[in-house]
């Protein structure tokens, strides 16, 4: 399924790159930095469900951004809260490993730096994978009411309650 959606996923990647390039260009002044930060946050918020929309609704890149924005707007705080909790957990978990890497670095700088880089790359990979899983599960529940495996119905309803 993903291979057939590759052109749309690449198109979305290009849209992401254009947004990043435009906001990077704005960051040369204080007002530009503020505008760039606002634009980045708005884009991240609006595109939270874009990839699942491309994959499951077979939408094109721009239609996926519009659909994702509508879904996120209808459930506005849910995705932010879930993503914030997930990001906090992912940031907190490698702290003990980072302390070990710093201790190792005091004895062997190259090994310590290599260990820190490995920990950072692992945290980024895990974060990306878990955010994708969370995004897909929330998309599925928001659009169909069906649960993804491993997610409890009561938890999903409590997240979407009152929205």
C-alpha atoms as a PDB file:
ATOM      1  CA  UNK A   1       0.000   0.000   0.000  1.00  0.00           C
ATOM      2  CA  UNK A   2       2.749   2.485   0.910  1.00  0.00           C
ATOM      3  CA  UNK A   3       4.591   1.971  -2.392  1.00  0.00           C
ATOM      4  CA  UNK A   4       1.534   2.985  -4.421  1.00  0.00           C
ATOM      5  CA  UNK A   5       1.223   6.116  -2.295  1.00  0.00           C
ATOM      6  CA  UNK A   6       4.896   7.020  -2.745  1.00  0.00           C
ATOM      7  CA  UNK A   7       4.282   9.887  -5.221  1.00  0.00           C
ATOM      8  CA  UNK A   8       1.828  11.521  -2.802  1.00  0.00           C
ATOM      9  CA  UNK A   9       4.214  10.974   0.112  1.00  0.00           C
ATOM     10  CA  UNK A  10       7.043  12.547  -1.902  1.00  0.00           C
ATOM     11  CA  UNK A  11       4.758  15.463  -2.770  1.00  0.00           C
ATOM     12  CA  UNK A  12       4.000  15.937   0.911  1.00  0.00           C
ATOM     13  CA  UNK A  13       7.746  15.776   1.643  1.00  0.00           C
ATOM     14  CA  UNK A  14       8.293  18.538  -0.931  1.00  0.00           C
ATOM     15  CA  UNK A  15       5.552  20.621   0.739  1.00  0.00           C
ATOM     16  CA  UNK A  16       7.294  20.064   4.092  1.00  0.00           C
ATOM     17  CA  UNK A  17      10.604  21.165   2.568  1.00  0.00           C
ATOM     18  CA  UNK A  18       9.033  24.293   1.046  1.00  0.00           C
ATOM     19  CA  UNK A  19       7.509  25.216   4.402  1.00  0.00           C
ATOM     20  CA  UNK A  20      10.844  24.681   6.159  1.00  0.00           C
ATOM     21  CA  UNK A  21      12.716  26.711   3.550  1.00  0.00           C
ATOM     22  CA  UNK A  22      10.261  29.594   3.744  1.00  0.00           C
ATOM     23  CA  UNK A  23      10.328  29.754   7.523  1.00  0.00           C
ATOM     24  CA  UNK A  24      14.131  29.463   7.546  1.00  0.00           C
ATOM     25  CA  UNK A  25      14.279  32.526   5.309  1.00  0.00           C
ATOM     26  CA  UNK A  26      12.120  34.450   7.785  1.00  0.00           C
ATOM     27  CA  UNK A  27      14.441  33.785  10.722  1.00  0.00           C
ATOM     28  CA  UNK A  28      16.881  36.604   9.859  1.00  0.00           C
ATOM     29  CA  UNK A  29      15.114  39.155  12.084  1.00  0.00           C
ATOM     30  CA  UNK A  30      13.336  39.111  15.435  1.00  0.00           C
ATOM     31  CA  UNK A  31       9.838  39.621  13.965  1.00  0.00           C
ATOM     32  CA  UNK A  32      10.693  37.062  11.273  1.00  0.00           C
ATOM     33  CA  UNK A  33      11.723  34.512  13.906  1.00  0.00           C
ATOM     34  CA  UNK A  34       8.420  34.962  15.686  1.00  0.00           C
ATOM     35  CA  UNK A  35       6.481  34.619  12.425  1.00  0.00           C
ATOM     36  CA  UNK A  36       8.548  31.570  11.453  1.00  0.00           C
ATOM     37  CA  UNK A  37       7.916  29.902  14.818  1.00  0.00           C
ATOM     38  CA  UNK A  38       4.175  30.545  14.551  1.00  0.00           C
ATOM     39  CA  UNK A  39       4.120  29.234  10.969  1.00  0.00           C
ATOM     40  CA  UNK A  40       6.105  26.133  11.959  1.00  0.00           C
ATOM     41  CA  UNK A  41       3.774  25.337  14.848  1.00  0.00           C
ATOM     42  CA  UNK A  42       0.670  25.922  12.716  1.00  0.00           C
ATOM     43  CA  UNK A  43       2.057  23.698   9.945  1.00  0.00           C
ATOM     44  CA  UNK A  44       2.982  20.948  12.412  1.00  0.00           C
ATOM     45  CA  UNK A  45      -0.460  21.154  13.985  1.00  0.00           C
ATOM     46  CA  UNK A  46      -2.306  21.134  10.639  1.00  0.00           C
ATOM     47  CA  UNK A  47      -0.257  18.305   9.125  1.00  0.00           C
ATOM     48  CA  UNK A  48      -0.296  15.976  12.152  1.00  0.00           C
ATOM     49  CA  UNK A  49      -2.621  13.527  10.364  1.00  0.00           C
ATOM     50  CA  UNK A  50      -1.476  14.203   6.772  1.00  0.00           C
ATOM     51  CA  UNK A  51       0.542  11.000   6.291  1.00  0.00           C
ATOM     52  CA  UNK A  52      -2.256   8.684   7.514  1.00  0.00           C
ATOM     53  CA  UNK A  53      -4.658  10.658   5.293  1.00  0.00           C
ATOM     54  CA  UNK A  54      -2.395  10.048   2.282  1.00  0.00           C
ATOM     55  CA  UNK A  55      -2.103   6.362   3.121  1.00  0.00           C
ATOM     56  CA  UNK A  56      -5.668   5.524   4.145  1.00  0.00           C
ATOM     57  CA  UNK A  57      -7.785   7.976   2.152  1.00  0.00           C
ATOM     58  CA  UNK A  58      -5.509   7.928  -0.880  1.00  0.00           C
ATOM     59  CA  UNK A  59      -5.470  11.728  -0.866  1.00  0.00           C
ATOM     60  CA  UNK A  60      -2.976  13.848  -2.725  1.00  0.00           C
ATOM     61  CA  UNK A  61      -0.489  15.918  -0.725  1.00  0.00           C
ATOM     62  CA  UNK A  62      -2.467  19.190  -0.656  1.00  0.00           C
ATOM     63  CA  UNK A  63      -5.805  17.458  -0.083  1.00  0.00           C
ATOM     64  CA  UNK A  64      -4.173  15.515   2.759  1.00  0.00           C
ATOM     65  CA  UNK A  65      -2.998  18.750   4.391  1.00  0.00           C
ATOM     66  CA  UNK A  66      -6.516  20.214   4.119  1.00  0.00           C
ATOM     67  CA  UNK A  67      -8.145  17.026   5.470  1.00  0.00           C
ATOM     68  CA  UNK A  68      -5.579  16.734   8.255  1.00  0.00           C
ATOM     69  CA  UNK A  69      -6.198  20.356   9.201  1.00  0.00           C
ATOM     70  CA  UNK A  70      -9.944  19.720   9.377  1.00  0.00           C
ATOM     71  CA  UNK A  71      -9.499  16.588  11.473  1.00  0.00           C
ATOM     72  CA  UNK A  72      -7.036  18.290  13.806  1.00  0.00           C
ATOM     73  CA  UNK A  73      -9.254  21.373  14.132  1.00  0.00           C
ATOM     74  CA  UNK A  74     -12.189  19.176  15.112  1.00  0.00           C
ATOM     75  CA  UNK A  75     -10.094  17.460  17.765  1.00  0.00           C
ATOM     76  CA  UNK A  76      -7.655  20.343  18.395  1.00  0.00           C
ATOM     77  CA  UNK A  77      -6.189  19.609  21.813  1.00  0.00           C
ATOM     78  CA  UNK A  78      -6.117  15.842  21.564  1.00  0.00           C
ATOM     79  CA  UNK A  79      -3.213  15.480  19.211  1.00  0.00           C
ATOM     80  CA  UNK A  80      -1.171  18.161  20.952  1.00  0.00           C
ATOM     81  CA  UNK A  81      -1.682  16.603  24.358  1.00  0.00           C
ATOM     82  CA  UNK A  82      -0.903  13.080  23.169  1.00  0.00           C
ATOM     83  CA  UNK A  83       2.144  14.215  21.220  1.00  0.00           C
ATOM     84  CA  UNK A  84       3.415  16.307  24.156  1.00  0.00           C
ATOM     85  CA  UNK A  85       3.127  13.379  26.565  1.00  0.00           C
ATOM     86  CA  UNK A  86       4.852  11.089  24.084  1.00  0.00           C
ATOM     87  CA  UNK A  87       7.629  13.632  23.445  1.00  0.00           C
ATOM     88  CA  UNK A  88       8.190  14.114  27.176  1.00  0.00           C
ATOM     89  CA  UNK A  89       8.445  10.354  27.742  1.00  0.00           C
ATOM     90  CA  UNK A  90      10.865   9.950  24.856  1.00  0.00           C
ATOM     91  CA  UNK A  91      12.998  12.859  26.099  1.00  0.00           C
ATOM     92  CA  UNK A  92      13.061  11.540  29.679  1.00  0.00           C
ATOM     93  CA  UNK A  93      13.931   7.908  28.900  1.00  0.00           C
ATOM     94  CA  UNK A  94      17.446   8.443  27.488  1.00  0.00           C
ATOM     95  CA  UNK A  95      18.564  10.702  30.382  1.00  0.00           C
ATOM     96  CA  UNK A  96      20.126   7.838  32.390  1.00  0.00           C
ATOM     97  CA  UNK A  97      21.922   6.644  29.251  1.00  0.00           C
ATOM     98  CA  UNK A  98      23.169  10.180  28.578  1.00  0.00           C
ATOM     99  CA  UNK A  99      24.578  10.336  32.119  1.00  0.00           C
ATOM    100  CA  UNK A 100      26.441   7.094  31.458  1.00  0.00           C
ATOM    101  CA  UNK A 101      27.735   8.520  28.160  1.00  0.00           C
ATOM    102  CA  UNK A 102      28.988  11.631  29.953  1.00  0.00           C
ATOM    103  CA  UNK A 103      30.790   9.488  32.517  1.00  0.00           C
ATOM    104  CA  UNK A 104      32.306   7.447  29.690  1.00  0.00           C
ATOM    105  CA  UNK A 105      33.299  10.695  27.934  1.00  0.00           C
ATOM    106  CA  UNK A 106      35.269  11.777  30.980  1.00  0.00           C
ATOM    107  CA  UNK A 107      37.430   8.666  30.526  1.00  0.00           C
ATOM    108  CA  UNK A 108      37.357   8.438  26.721  1.00  0.00           C
ATOM    109  CA  UNK A 109      36.045  11.505  24.863  1.00  0.00           C
ATOM    110  CA  UNK A 110      35.636   9.815  21.475  1.00  0.00           C
ATOM    111  CA  UNK A 111      33.731   6.861  22.907  1.00  0.00           C
ATOM    112  CA  UNK A 112      31.543   9.137  25.033  1.00  0.00           C
ATOM    113  CA  UNK A 113      30.679  11.358  22.074  1.00  0.00           C
ATOM    114  CA  UNK A 114      29.942   8.308  19.910  1.00  0.00           C
ATOM    115  CA  UNK A 115      27.675   6.955  22.646  1.00  0.00           C
ATOM    116  CA  UNK A 116      25.836  10.297  22.953  1.00  0.00           C
ATOM    117  CA  UNK A 117      25.324  10.428  19.187  1.00  0.00           C
ATOM    118  CA  UNK A 118      24.021   6.840  19.187  1.00  0.00           C
ATOM    119  CA  UNK A 119      21.607   7.656  22.030  1.00  0.00           C
ATOM    120  CA  UNK A 120      20.376  10.761  20.182  1.00  0.00           C
ATOM    121  CA  UNK A 121      19.858   8.864  16.925  1.00  0.00           C
ATOM    122  CA  UNK A 122      18.027   6.059  18.725  1.00  0.00           C
ATOM    123  CA  UNK A 123      15.767   8.566  20.516  1.00  0.00           C
ATOM    124  CA  UNK A 124      14.974  10.281  17.202  1.00  0.00           C
ATOM    125  CA  UNK A 125      14.179   6.959  15.516  1.00  0.00           C
ATOM    126  CA  UNK A 126      11.966   5.787  18.380  1.00  0.00           C
ATOM    127  CA  UNK A 127      10.234   9.173  18.551  1.00  0.00           C
ATOM    128  CA  UNK A 128       9.500   9.160  14.830  1.00  0.00           C
ATOM    129  CA  UNK A 129       8.150   5.614  14.917  1.00  0.00           C
ATOM    130  CA  UNK A 130       5.973   6.185  17.992  1.00  0.00           C
ATOM    131  CA  UNK A 131       4.598   9.478  16.652  1.00  0.00           C
ATOM    132  CA  UNK A 132       3.680   7.678  13.430  1.00  0.00           C
ATOM    133  CA  UNK A 133       1.916   4.917  15.339  1.00  0.00           C
ATOM    134  CA  UNK A 134       0.083   7.436  17.522  1.00  0.00           C
ATOM    135  CA  UNK A 135      -0.895   9.513  14.509  1.00  0.00           C
ATOM    136  CA  UNK A 136      -2.248   6.487  12.642  1.00  0.00           C
ATOM    137  CA  UNK A 137      -4.163   5.220  15.694  1.00  0.00           C
ATOM    138  CA  UNK A 138      -5.722   8.618  16.337  1.00  0.00           C
ATOM    139  CA  UNK A 139      -6.564   9.047  12.666  1.00  0.00           C
ATOM    140  CA  UNK A 140      -8.255   5.644  12.580  1.00  0.00           C
ATOM    141  CA  UNK A 141     -10.267   6.362  15.707  1.00  0.00           C
ATOM    142  CA  UNK A 142     -11.182   9.920  14.645  1.00  0.00           C
ATOM    143  CA  UNK A 143     -12.406   8.852  11.215  1.00  0.00           C
ATOM    144  CA  UNK A 144     -13.902   5.402  11.825  1.00  0.00           C
ATOM    145  CA  UNK A 145     -14.301   4.961  15.571  1.00  0.00           C
ATOM    146  CA  UNK A 146     -12.236   1.774  15.261  1.00  0.00           C
ATOM    147  CA  UNK A 147      -9.374   1.061  17.633  1.00  0.00           C
ATOM    148  CA  UNK A 148      -5.862   0.306  16.518  1.00  0.00           C
ATOM    149  CA  UNK A 149      -4.349  -2.809  18.141  1.00  0.00           C
ATOM    150  CA  UNK A 150      -2.847  -2.011  21.540  1.00  0.00           C
ATOM    151  CA  UNK A 151      -5.057   0.997  22.246  1.00  0.00           C
ATOM    152  CA  UNK A 152      -7.848   0.825  24.836  1.00  0.00           C
ATOM    153  CA  UNK A 153     -11.305   2.044  23.876  1.00  0.00           C
ATOM    154  CA  UNK A 154     -11.813   3.872  27.173  1.00  0.00           C
ATOM    155  CA  UNK A 155      -8.552   5.758  26.680  1.00  0.00           C
ATOM    156  CA  UNK A 156      -9.435   6.812  23.155  1.00  0.00           C
ATOM    157  CA  UNK A 157     -12.921   7.943  24.161  1.00  0.00           C
ATOM    158  CA  UNK A 158     -11.546   9.925  27.091  1.00  0.00           C
ATOM    159  CA  UNK A 159      -9.139  11.699  24.743  1.00  0.00           C
ATOM    160  CA  UNK A 160     -11.885  12.618  22.278  1.00  0.00           C
ATOM    161  CA  UNK A 161     -14.636  13.284  24.846  1.00  0.00           C
ATOM    162  CA  UNK A 162     -16.177  16.715  24.832  1.00  0.00           C
ATOM    163  CA  UNK A 163     -14.593  17.875  21.558  1.00  0.00           C
END
